[in-house]
Amino acid sequence: MIKKTTGRRGLDMGVNPYLYIAPALIALAVVVLLPLLYAFFLSLQKTQGLKGTFVGLANYAAILKEEYFWQSTGRTAYFTVVSVGMEFILGMLVALLLNEKFRWRGIARAMLILPWALPTVVNGVLWAWIFNSSYGSLNGLLSQMGIIHKYVNWLGESRLAMNCVIFADVWKNYAMIALILLAGLQTIPGDYYEAAKIDGANAVQRFFRITFPLLRPSILVCLVLRTMEAFKVFDIVYTMTKGGPANGTQVISYYTYQTTFQYSQFGPGAALSYLVSLFILLMALVYIRLITGKGNAA
């Protein structure tokens, strides 16, 4: 007979510990697992309103043949590569600056979080006003400085509109990368830099031989998180351009939204969602392989 033991705080160790986490597991299954399974089941159906007919993988095959799907995927890839690249470079520079000792450094670090704390929808509306072709402050500023002689329709041309959305996204999210990298910089012992200085290493050599290698775990976290968020971007596109002009900013998530809710094609919409998830998973694995040189982040 197994004797029940009691811990110092009076917990009955004979009770199955899974009972304690059962409520959380049940809630997780209801909120996450069941919707995922239902969405996958829905992706295997051809829907007409609320009714569906099982068609297997036909939705996936049809989507992969669609020109709109690959065009929106290309625009999403462009958005992801440019925005995440700019955010990483800017975040790294800001993190290195805030890691140095100077007056008011604490205030500067606190202010860094302000753009990131701004809700994405508010950020999108703010930049839509700034880029407005009629009363936007950017046109007014550039006109007063003599840089432009007539107002530019920043959100009225496809390529220009996409770059404006990217700029708004970078302004908000570079702070997250800077904060994570700054936390990583705080863990690097200063003795390493002192020894490198004695050996004659300059600032660039110290960065690439000490800072960058020791920041790899933090860099991995930044790139994976931001790539996942950027590839499924929706809210800032919706608030600034609604996928326009001429579908110039129609990223894959917005295309999924239109397919599902505007055209009521719930089966193809669910299939699109799973394809987006698959792309994000593949990119995360590639990041892990490139940065760590292994199959895991350890």
C-alpha atoms as a PDB file:
ATOM      1  CA  MET A   1       0.000   0.000   0.000  1.00  0.00           C
ATOM      2  CA  ILE A   2       1.403   3.374  -1.055  1.00  0.00           C
ATOM      3  CA  LYS A   3       1.520   5.794   1.818  1.00  0.00           C
ATOM      4  CA  LYS A   4       0.395   9.322   1.124  1.00  0.00           C
ATOM      5  CA  THR A   5       2.894  11.998   2.022  1.00  0.00           C
ATOM      6  CA  THR A   6       2.250  15.595   2.891  1.00  0.00           C
ATOM      7  CA  GLY A   7       4.555  18.452   1.935  1.00  0.00           C
ATOM      8  CA  ARG A   8       5.575  21.301   4.209  1.00  0.00           C
ATOM      9  CA  ARG A   9       2.606  23.376   3.053  1.00  0.00           C
ATOM     10  CA  GLY A  10       0.090  20.627   3.630  1.00  0.00           C
ATOM     11  CA  LEU A  11      -0.347  19.454   0.024  1.00  0.00           C
ATOM     12  CA  ASP A  12      -1.487  15.853  -0.281  1.00  0.00           C
ATOM     13  CA  MET A  13       1.196  14.355  -2.573  1.00  0.00           C
ATOM     14  CA  GLY A  14      -0.880  11.206  -3.056  1.00  0.00           C
ATOM     15  CA  VAL A  15      -3.393  13.080  -5.202  1.00  0.00           C
ATOM     16  CA  ASN A  16      -2.645  12.884  -8.908  1.00  0.00           C
ATOM     17  CA  PRO A  17      -0.907  16.182  -9.768  1.00  0.00           C
ATOM     18  CA  TYR A  18      -2.724  16.324 -13.109  1.00  0.00           C
ATOM     19  CA  LEU A  19      -5.906  17.073 -11.206  1.00  0.00           C
ATOM     20  CA  TYR A  20      -4.453  20.436 -10.278  1.00  0.00           C
ATOM     21  CA  ILE A  21      -3.807  21.425 -13.895  1.00  0.00           C
ATOM     22  CA  ALA A  22      -6.948  19.762 -15.276  1.00  0.00           C
ATOM     23  CA  PRO A  23      -9.003  23.013 -15.292  1.00  0.00           C
ATOM     24  CA  ALA A  24      -6.287  24.796 -17.259  1.00  0.00           C
ATOM     25  CA  LEU A  25      -5.978  21.891 -19.700  1.00  0.00           C
ATOM     26  CA  ILE A  26      -9.731  21.796 -20.218  1.00  0.00           C
ATOM     27  CA  ALA A  27      -9.858  25.544 -20.819  1.00  0.00           C
ATOM     28  CA  LEU A  28      -6.937  25.278 -23.248  1.00  0.00           C
ATOM     29  CA  ALA A  29      -8.650  22.466 -25.140  1.00  0.00           C
ATOM     30  CA  VAL A  30     -11.926  24.396 -25.394  1.00  0.00           C
ATOM     31  CA  VAL A  31     -10.350  27.714 -26.374  1.00  0.00           C
ATOM     32  CA  VAL A  32      -7.501  26.495 -28.613  1.00  0.00           C
ATOM     33  CA  LEU A  33      -7.627  22.820 -29.561  1.00  0.00           C
ATOM     34  CA  LEU A  34     -11.303  22.491 -30.490  1.00  0.00           C
ATOM     35  CA  PRO A  35     -11.323  25.601 -32.739  1.00  0.00           C
ATOM     36  CA  LEU A  36      -8.160  24.346 -34.464  1.00  0.00           C
ATOM     37  CA  LEU A  37      -9.706  20.949 -35.122  1.00  0.00           C
ATOM     38  CA  TYR A  38     -12.967  22.493 -36.309  1.00  0.00           C
ATOM     39  CA  ALA A  39     -11.106  24.885 -38.614  1.00  0.00           C
ATOM     40  CA  PHE A  40      -9.194  21.967 -40.135  1.00  0.00           C
ATOM     41  CA  PHE A  41     -12.460  20.037 -40.595  1.00  0.00           C
ATOM     42  CA  LEU A  42     -13.978  23.139 -42.188  1.00  0.00           C
ATOM     43  CA  SER A  43     -11.000  23.459 -44.556  1.00  0.00           C
ATOM     44  CA  LEU A  44     -11.904  20.040 -45.991  1.00  0.00           C
ATOM     45  CA  GLN A  45     -15.395  21.173 -46.992  1.00  0.00           C
ATOM     46  CA  LYS A  46     -16.959  23.198 -49.753  1.00  0.00           C
ATOM     47  CA  THR A  47     -19.290  25.578 -47.970  1.00  0.00           C
ATOM     48  CA  GLN A  48     -22.497  27.186 -49.153  1.00  0.00           C
ATOM     49  CA  GLY A  49     -23.580  29.508 -46.397  1.00  0.00           C
ATOM     50  CA  LEU A  50     -23.705  27.417 -43.233  1.00  0.00           C
ATOM     51  CA  LYS A  51     -23.873  24.108 -45.122  1.00  0.00           C
ATOM     52  CA  GLY A  52     -20.801  22.194 -46.222  1.00  0.00           C
ATOM     53  CA  THR A  53     -19.898  19.255 -48.442  1.00  0.00           C
ATOM     54  CA  PHE A  54     -16.779  17.207 -47.752  1.00  0.00           C
ATOM     55  CA  VAL A  55     -14.238  17.674 -50.575  1.00  0.00           C
ATOM     56  CA  GLY A  56     -10.996  16.538 -48.938  1.00  0.00           C
ATOM     57  CA  LEU A  57      -7.929  18.526 -49.975  1.00  0.00           C
ATOM     58  CA  ALA A  58      -9.669  20.172 -52.934  1.00  0.00           C
ATOM     59  CA  ASN A  59      -9.691  23.579 -51.211  1.00  0.00           C
ATOM     60  CA  TYR A  60      -5.933  23.443 -50.691  1.00  0.00           C
ATOM     61  CA  ALA A  61      -5.325  22.374 -54.296  1.00  0.00           C
ATOM     62  CA  ALA A  62      -7.557  25.162 -55.630  1.00  0.00           C
ATOM     63  CA  ILE A  63      -5.854  27.795 -53.484  1.00  0.00           C
ATOM     64  CA  LEU A  64      -2.372  26.754 -54.604  1.00  0.00           C
ATOM     65  CA  LYS A  65      -3.488  27.259 -58.216  1.00  0.00           C
ATOM     66  CA  GLU A  66      -4.892  30.749 -57.621  1.00  0.00           C
ATOM     67  CA  GLU A  67      -2.921  33.707 -58.940  1.00  0.00           C
ATOM     68  CA  TYR A  68      -4.302  35.980 -56.197  1.00  0.00           C
ATOM     69  CA  PHE A  69      -2.948  33.639 -53.528  1.00  0.00           C
ATOM     70  CA  TRP A  70       0.615  33.767 -54.835  1.00  0.00           C
ATOM     71  CA  GLN A  71       0.430  37.511 -55.439  1.00  0.00           C
ATOM     72  CA  SER A  72      -0.707  38.133 -51.862  1.00  0.00           C
ATOM     73  CA  THR A  73       1.968  35.723 -50.613  1.00  0.00           C
ATOM     74  CA  GLY A  74       4.609  37.681 -52.522  1.00  0.00           C
ATOM     75  CA  ARG A  75       3.401  40.955 -51.040  1.00  0.00           C
ATOM     76  CA  THR A  76       3.414  39.380 -47.581  1.00  0.00           C
ATOM     77  CA  ALA A  77       6.966  38.106 -48.076  1.00  0.00           C
ATOM     78  CA  TYR A  78       8.085  41.589 -49.165  1.00  0.00           C
ATOM     79  CA  PHE A  79       6.393  43.166 -46.144  1.00  0.00           C
ATOM     80  CA  THR A  80       7.940  40.600 -43.781  1.00  0.00           C
ATOM     81  CA  VAL A  81      11.500  40.775 -45.101  1.00  0.00           C
ATOM     82  CA  VAL A  82      11.672  44.572 -45.310  1.00  0.00           C
ATOM     83  CA  SER A  83       9.861  45.365 -42.056  1.00  0.00           C
ATOM     84  CA  VAL A  84      11.623  42.744 -39.928  1.00  0.00           C
ATOM     85  CA  GLY A  85      15.003  43.629 -41.468  1.00  0.00           C
ATOM     86  CA  MET A  86      14.568  47.341 -40.752  1.00  0.00           C
ATOM     87  CA  GLU A  87      13.215  46.671 -37.264  1.00  0.00           C
ATOM     88  CA  PHE A  88      16.175  44.429 -36.447  1.00  0.00           C
ATOM     89  CA  ILE A  89      18.789  46.911 -37.675  1.00  0.00           C
ATOM     90  CA  LEU A  90      17.136  49.870 -35.950  1.00  0.00           C
ATOM     91  CA  GLY A  91      16.447  47.845 -32.796  1.00  0.00           C
ATOM     92  CA  MET A  92      20.065  46.694 -32.613  1.00  0.00           C
ATOM     93  CA  LEU A  93      21.398  50.247 -32.988  1.00  0.00           C
ATOM     94  CA  VAL A  94      19.022  51.574 -30.312  1.00  0.00           C
ATOM     95  CA  ALA A  95      19.853  48.690 -27.955  1.00  0.00           C
ATOM     96  CA  LEU A  96      23.602  49.319 -28.326  1.00  0.00           C
ATOM     97  CA  LEU A  97      23.041  53.026 -27.663  1.00  0.00           C
ATOM     98  CA  LEU A  98      20.898  52.454 -24.579  1.00  0.00           C
ATOM     99  CA  ASN A  99      23.420  49.943 -23.252  1.00  0.00           C
ATOM    100  CA  GLU A 100      25.998  52.731 -22.916  1.00  0.00           C
ATOM    101  CA  LYS A 101      26.191  54.902 -19.819  1.00  0.00           C
ATOM    102  CA  PHE A 102      24.894  58.439 -20.279  1.00  0.00           C
ATOM    103  CA  ARG A 103      22.730  60.937 -18.437  1.00  0.00           C
ATOM    104  CA  TRP A 104      18.971  60.269 -18.445  1.00  0.00           C
ATOM    105  CA  ARG A 105      19.533  56.734 -19.713  1.00  0.00           C
ATOM    106  CA  GLY A 106      16.713  55.419 -17.510  1.00  0.00           C
ATOM    107  CA  ILE A 107      14.228  57.920 -18.957  1.00  0.00           C
ATOM    108  CA  ALA A 108      15.326  57.068 -22.510  1.00  0.00           C
ATOM    109  CA  ARG A 109      14.779  53.368 -21.824  1.00  0.00           C
ATOM    110  CA  ALA A 110      11.338  54.042 -20.393  1.00  0.00           C
ATOM    111  CA  MET A 111      10.315  56.177 -23.382  1.00  0.00           C
ATOM    112  CA  LEU A 112      11.410  53.446 -25.769  1.00  0.00           C
ATOM    113  CA  ILE A 113       8.368  51.362 -24.902  1.00  0.00           C
ATOM    114  CA  LEU A 114       5.848  54.083 -25.813  1.00  0.00           C
ATOM    115  CA  PRO A 115       5.519  53.281 -29.560  1.00  0.00           C
ATOM    116  CA  TRP A 116       5.254  49.566 -28.826  1.00  0.00           C
ATOM    117  CA  ALA A 117       2.582  50.168 -26.166  1.00  0.00           C
ATOM    118  CA  LEU A 118       0.413  52.042 -28.671  1.00  0.00           C
ATOM    119  CA  PRO A 119      -2.408  49.801 -29.985  1.00  0.00           C
ATOM    120  CA  THR A 120      -1.835  48.756 -33.585  1.00  0.00           C
ATOM    121  CA  VAL A 121      -5.199  50.104 -34.731  1.00  0.00           C
ATOM    122  CA  VAL A 122      -4.439  53.500 -33.204  1.00  0.00           C
ATOM    123  CA  ASN A 123      -1.009  53.406 -34.808  1.00  0.00           C
ATOM    124  CA  GLY A 124      -2.567  52.644 -38.191  1.00  0.00           C
ATOM    125  CA  VAL A 125      -5.093  55.484 -37.937  1.00  0.00           C
ATOM    126  CA  LEU A 126      -2.351  57.870 -36.791  1.00  0.00           C
ATOM    127  CA  TRP A 127      -0.126  57.120 -39.770  1.00  0.00           C
ATOM    128  CA  ALA A 128      -3.083  57.149 -42.174  1.00  0.00           C
ATOM    129  CA  TRP A 129      -3.682  60.740 -41.086  1.00  0.00           C
ATOM    130  CA  ILE A 130       0.004  61.605 -41.438  1.00  0.00           C
ATOM    131  CA  PHE A 131       0.139  60.141 -44.968  1.00  0.00           C
ATOM    132  CA  ASN A 132      -3.194  61.630 -46.050  1.00  0.00           C
ATOM    133  CA  SER A 133      -2.827  63.285 -49.452  1.00  0.00           C
ATOM    134  CA  SER A 134      -5.078  66.255 -48.643  1.00  0.00           C
ATOM    135  CA  TYR A 135      -4.407  67.269 -45.039  1.00  0.00           C
ATOM    136  CA  GLY A 136      -1.596  64.942 -43.938  1.00  0.00           C
ATOM    137  CA  SER A 137       1.140  66.502 -41.831  1.00  0.00           C
ATOM    138  CA  LEU A 138       3.894  64.800 -43.852  1.00  0.00           C
ATOM    139  CA  ASN A 139       2.918  66.621 -47.049  1.00  0.00           C
ATOM    140  CA  GLY A 140       2.627  69.876 -45.125  1.00  0.00           C
ATOM    141  CA  LEU A 141       6.083  69.444 -43.561  1.00  0.00           C
ATOM    142  CA  LEU A 142       7.828  68.481 -46.804  1.00  0.00           C
ATOM    143  CA  SER A 143       6.098  71.314 -48.644  1.00  0.00           C
ATOM    144  CA  GLN A 144       7.181  73.882 -46.042  1.00  0.00           C
ATOM    145  CA  MET A 145      10.759  72.599 -46.290  1.00  0.00           C
ATOM    146  CA  GLY A 146      10.680  72.925 -50.080  1.00  0.00           C
ATOM    147  CA  ILE A 147      11.343  69.231 -50.655  1.00  0.00           C
ATOM    148  CA  ILE A 148       8.103  68.733 -52.605  1.00  0.00           C
ATOM    149  CA  HIS A 149       6.162  71.280 -54.661  1.00  0.00           C
ATOM    150  CA  LYS A 150       2.829  69.457 -54.730  1.00  0.00           C
ATOM    151  CA  TYR A 151       1.153  67.090 -52.312  1.00  0.00           C
ATOM    152  CA  VAL A 152       1.982  63.410 -52.776  1.00  0.00           C
ATOM    153  CA  ASN A 153      -0.722  60.740 -52.607  1.00  0.00           C
ATOM    154  CA  TRP A 154       1.309  58.440 -50.354  1.00  0.00           C
ATOM    155  CA  LEU A 155      -1.393  55.799 -50.019  1.00  0.00           C
ATOM    156  CA  GLY A 156      -2.695  56.086 -53.583  1.00  0.00           C
ATOM    157  CA  GLU A 157       0.021  54.122 -55.399  1.00  0.00           C
ATOM    158  CA  SER A 158       0.555  50.421 -54.756  1.00  0.00           C
ATOM    159  CA  ARG A 159       4.298  50.272 -54.115  1.00  0.00           C
ATOM    160  CA  LEU A 160       4.350  53.576 -52.262  1.00  0.00           C
ATOM    161  CA  ALA A 161       1.409  52.543 -50.087  1.00  0.00           C
ATOM    162  CA  MET A 162       3.082  49.244 -49.141  1.00  0.00           C
ATOM    163  CA  ASN A 163       6.263  51.055 -48.088  1.00  0.00           C
ATOM    164  CA  CYS A 164       4.219  53.526 -46.035  1.00  0.00           C
ATOM    165  CA  VAL A 165       2.548  50.635 -44.203  1.00  0.00           C
ATOM    166  CA  ILE A 166       5.978  49.098 -43.611  1.00  0.00           C
ATOM    167  CA  PHE A 167       7.273  52.393 -42.220  1.00  0.00           C
ATOM    168  CA  ALA A 168       4.337  52.600 -39.800  1.00  0.00           C
ATOM    169  CA  ASP A 169       4.925  49.004 -38.709  1.00  0.00           C
ATOM    170  CA  VAL A 170       8.661  49.589 -38.172  1.00  0.00           C
ATOM    171  CA  TRP A 171       8.011  52.727 -36.114  1.00  0.00           C
ATOM    172  CA  LYS A 172       5.848  50.741 -33.718  1.00  0.00           C
ATOM    173  CA  ASN A 173       7.662  47.410 -33.436  1.00  0.00           C
ATOM    174  CA  TYR A 174      11.387  48.194 -33.507  1.00  0.00           C
ATOM    175  CA  ALA A 175      11.102  48.997 -29.790  1.00  0.00           C
ATOM    176  CA  MET A 176      10.250  45.378 -28.950  1.00  0.00           C
ATOM    177  CA  ILE A 177      13.407  44.152 -30.669  1.00  0.00           C
ATOM    178  CA  ALA A 178      15.465  46.860 -28.974  1.00  0.00           C
ATOM    179  CA  LEU A 179      14.158  45.871 -25.530  1.00  0.00           C
ATOM    180  CA  ILE A 180      14.872  42.164 -26.036  1.00  0.00           C
ATOM    181  CA  LEU A 181      18.359  42.847 -27.380  1.00  0.00           C
ATOM    182  CA  LEU A 182      19.021  45.318 -24.581  1.00  0.00           C
ATOM    183  CA  ALA A 183      18.128  42.635 -22.049  1.00  0.00           C
ATOM    184  CA  GLY A 184      20.546  40.291 -23.798  1.00  0.00           C
ATOM    185  CA  LEU A 185      23.313  42.911 -23.754  1.00  0.00           C
ATOM    186  CA  GLN A 186      22.904  43.272 -19.999  1.00  0.00           C
ATOM    187  CA  THR A 187      23.911  39.618 -19.527  1.00  0.00           C
ATOM    188  CA  ILE A 188      27.273  39.948 -21.337  1.00  0.00           C
ATOM    189  CA  PRO A 189      30.103  40.398 -18.781  1.00  0.00           C
ATOM    190  CA  GLY A 190      32.068  43.601 -19.197  1.00  0.00           C
ATOM    191  CA  ASP A 191      35.315  41.676 -18.632  1.00  0.00           C
ATOM    192  CA  TYR A 192      35.026  40.280 -22.161  1.00  0.00           C
ATOM    193  CA  TYR A 193      35.177  43.761 -23.649  1.00  0.00           C
ATOM    194  CA  GLU A 194      38.038  44.827 -21.390  1.00  0.00           C
ATOM    195  CA  ALA A 195      40.075  41.813 -22.432  1.00  0.00           C
ATOM    196  CA  ALA A 196      39.307  42.482 -26.103  1.00  0.00           C
ATOM    197  CA  LYS A 197      40.420  46.110 -25.752  1.00  0.00           C
ATOM    198  CA  ILE A 198      43.695  44.976 -24.211  1.00  0.00           C
ATOM    199  CA  ASP A 199      44.198  42.647 -27.185  1.00  0.00           C
ATOM    200  CA  GLY A 200      43.710  45.601 -29.514  1.00  0.00           C
ATOM    201  CA  ALA A 201      40.212  44.801 -30.856  1.00  0.00           C
ATOM    202  CA  ASN A 202      38.309  47.814 -32.156  1.00  0.00           C
ATOM    203  CA  ALA A 203      34.575  48.461 -31.725  1.00  0.00           C
ATOM    204  CA  VAL A 204      33.564  46.600 -34.884  1.00  0.00           C
ATOM    205  CA  GLN A 205      35.668  43.567 -33.977  1.00  0.00           C
ATOM    206  CA  ARG A 206      34.260  43.539 -30.450  1.00  0.00           C
ATOM    207  CA  PHE A 207      30.728  43.594 -31.840  1.00  0.00           C
ATOM    208  CA  PHE A 208      31.169  40.717 -34.278  1.00  0.00           C
ATOM    209  CA  ARG A 209      33.410  38.588 -32.042  1.00  0.00           C
ATOM    210  CA  ILE A 210      31.719  39.138 -28.664  1.00  0.00           C
ATOM    211  CA  THR A 211      28.376  40.928 -28.845  1.00  0.00           C
ATOM    212  CA  PHE A 212      26.790  39.253 -31.848  1.00  0.00           C
ATOM    213  CA  PRO A 213      27.694  35.635 -30.947  1.00  0.00           C
ATOM    214  CA  LEU A 214      26.518  36.040 -27.349  1.00  0.00           C
ATOM    215  CA  LEU A 215      23.300  37.711 -28.506  1.00  0.00           C
ATOM    216  CA  ARG A 216      22.274  34.804 -30.738  1.00  0.00           C
ATOM    217  CA  PRO A 217      19.555  33.498 -28.379  1.00  0.00           C
ATOM    218  CA  SER A 218      18.043  36.978 -28.079  1.00  0.00           C
ATOM    219  CA  ILE A 219      18.316  37.524 -31.825  1.00  0.00           C
ATOM    220  CA  LEU A 220      16.547  34.215 -32.436  1.00  0.00           C
ATOM    221  CA  VAL A 221      13.666  35.219 -30.169  1.00  0.00           C
ATOM    222  CA  CYS A 222      13.349  38.618 -31.883  1.00  0.00           C
ATOM    223  CA  LEU A 223      13.386  37.299 -35.418  1.00  0.00           C
ATOM    224  CA  VAL A 224      11.012  34.403 -34.801  1.00  0.00           C
ATOM    225  CA  LEU A 225       8.474  36.524 -32.934  1.00  0.00           C
ATOM    226  CA  ARG A 226       8.558  39.427 -35.381  1.00  0.00           C
ATOM    227  CA  THR A 227       8.511  37.185 -38.457  1.00  0.00           C
ATOM    228  CA  MET A 228       5.447  35.373 -37.152  1.00  0.00           C
ATOM    229  CA  GLU A 229       3.710  38.656 -36.404  1.00  0.00           C
ATOM    230  CA  ALA A 230       4.730  40.324 -39.669  1.00  0.00           C
ATOM    231  CA  PHE A 231       3.723  37.408 -41.886  1.00  0.00           C
ATOM    232  CA  LYS A 232       0.211  37.377 -40.437  1.00  0.00           C
ATOM    233  CA  VAL A 233      -0.130  41.168 -40.417  1.00  0.00           C
ATOM    234  CA  PHE A 234      -3.704  42.348 -40.802  1.00  0.00           C
ATOM    235  CA  ASP A 235      -4.769  45.164 -38.488  1.00  0.00           C
ATOM    236  CA  ILE A 236      -2.422  47.902 -39.697  1.00  0.00           C
ATOM    237  CA  VAL A 237      -3.203  47.062 -43.348  1.00  0.00           C
ATOM    238  CA  TYR A 238      -6.925  47.141 -42.608  1.00  0.00           C
ATOM    239  CA  THR A 239      -6.784  50.511 -40.847  1.00  0.00           C
ATOM    240  CA  MET A 240      -4.431  52.232 -43.296  1.00  0.00           C
ATOM    241  CA  THR A 241      -5.309  50.933 -46.781  1.00  0.00           C
ATOM    242  CA  LYS A 242      -7.877  48.095 -46.551  1.00  0.00           C
ATOM    243  CA  GLY A 243      -5.739  46.140 -48.996  1.00  0.00           C
ATOM    244  CA  GLY A 244      -5.637  48.871 -51.622  1.00  0.00           C
ATOM    245  CA  PRO A 245      -4.965  50.614 -53.836  1.00  0.00           C
ATOM    246  CA  ALA A 246      -5.677  48.009 -56.539  1.00  0.00           C
ATOM    247  CA  ASN A 247      -4.860  45.238 -54.046  1.00  0.00           C
ATOM    248  CA  GLY A 248      -1.353  46.665 -53.705  1.00  0.00           C
ATOM    249  CA  THR A 249      -1.276  45.986 -49.959  1.00  0.00           C
ATOM    250  CA  GLN A 250      -3.450  42.862 -49.972  1.00  0.00           C
ATOM    251  CA  VAL A 251      -1.321  40.608 -47.786  1.00  0.00           C
ATOM    252  CA  ILE A 252      -2.193  36.967 -47.180  1.00  0.00           C
ATOM    253  CA  SER A 253      -4.076  37.588 -43.919  1.00  0.00           C
ATOM    254  CA  TYR A 254      -6.229  40.269 -45.519  1.00  0.00           C
ATOM    255  CA  TYR A 255      -6.874  37.950 -48.462  1.00  0.00           C
ATOM    256  CA  THR A 256      -7.951  35.275 -45.959  1.00  0.00           C
ATOM    257  CA  TYR A 257     -10.265  37.773 -44.260  1.00  0.00           C
ATOM    258  CA  GLN A 258     -11.883  38.736 -47.556  1.00  0.00           C
ATOM    259  CA  THR A 259     -12.315  35.117 -48.629  1.00  0.00           C
ATOM    260  CA  THR A 260     -13.839  34.069 -45.317  1.00  0.00           C
ATOM    261  CA  PHE A 261     -15.999  36.975 -44.236  1.00  0.00           C
ATOM    262  CA  GLN A 262     -16.658  39.130 -47.306  1.00  0.00           C
ATOM    263  CA  TYR A 263     -17.235  36.258 -49.734  1.00  0.00           C
ATOM    264  CA  SER A 264     -18.500  33.771 -47.073  1.00  0.00           C
ATOM    265  CA  GLN A 265     -16.213  30.999 -48.340  1.00  0.00           C
ATOM    266  CA  PHE A 266     -15.476  29.468 -44.964  1.00  0.00           C
ATOM    267  CA  GLY A 267     -13.875  26.290 -46.288  1.00  0.00           C
ATOM    268  CA  PRO A 268     -11.236  28.011 -48.474  1.00  0.00           C
ATOM    269  CA  GLY A 269     -10.764  30.616 -45.740  1.00  0.00           C
ATOM    270  CA  ALA A 270      -9.935  27.924 -43.190  1.00  0.00           C
ATOM    271  CA  ALA A 271      -7.575  26.292 -45.688  1.00  0.00           C
ATOM    272  CA  LEU A 272      -5.833  29.628 -46.203  1.00  0.00           C
ATOM    273  CA  SER A 273      -5.394  29.990 -42.447  1.00  0.00           C
ATOM    274  CA  TYR A 274      -3.690  26.616 -42.225  1.00  0.00           C
ATOM    275  CA  LEU A 275      -1.409  27.437 -45.153  1.00  0.00           C
ATOM    276  CA  VAL A 276      -0.365  30.669 -43.428  1.00  0.00           C
ATOM    277  CA  SER A 277       0.389  28.708 -40.248  1.00  0.00           C
ATOM    278  CA  LEU A 278       2.478  26.250 -42.263  1.00  0.00           C
ATOM    279  CA  PHE A 279       4.501  29.069 -43.845  1.00  0.00           C
ATOM    280  CA  ILE A 280       5.157  30.602 -40.414  1.00  0.00           C
ATOM    281  CA  LEU A 281       6.274  27.242 -39.008  1.00  0.00           C
ATOM    282  CA  LEU A 282       8.687  26.696 -41.901  1.00  0.00           C
ATOM    283  CA  MET A 283      10.194  30.171 -41.480  1.00  0.00           C
ATOM    284  CA  ALA A 284      10.662  29.612 -37.749  1.00  0.00           C
ATOM    285  CA  LEU A 285      12.519  26.353 -38.442  1.00  0.00           C
ATOM    286  CA  VAL A 286      14.733  28.090 -40.995  1.00  0.00           C
ATOM    287  CA  TYR A 287      15.595  30.827 -38.480  1.00  0.00           C
ATOM    288  CA  ILE A 288      16.512  28.261 -35.863  1.00  0.00           C
ATOM    289  CA  ARG A 289      18.707  26.375 -38.319  1.00  0.00           C
ATOM    290  CA  LEU A 290      20.501  29.488 -39.590  1.00  0.00           C
ATOM    291  CA  ILE A 291      21.141  31.188 -36.252  1.00  0.00           C
ATOM    292  CA  THR A 292      21.922  28.229 -34.008  1.00  0.00           C
ATOM    293  CA  GLY A 293      23.337  25.854 -36.610  1.00  0.00           C
ATOM    294  CA  LYS A 294      21.240  23.139 -34.982  1.00  0.00           C
ATOM    295  CA  GLY A 295      17.763  21.787 -35.123  1.00  0.00           C
ATOM    296  CA  ASN A 296      16.840  23.512 -31.878  1.00  0.00           C
ATOM    297  CA  ALA A 297      17.485  26.751 -30.107  1.00  0.00           C
ATOM    298  CA  ALA A 298      19.435  25.215 -27.272  1.00  0.00           C
END
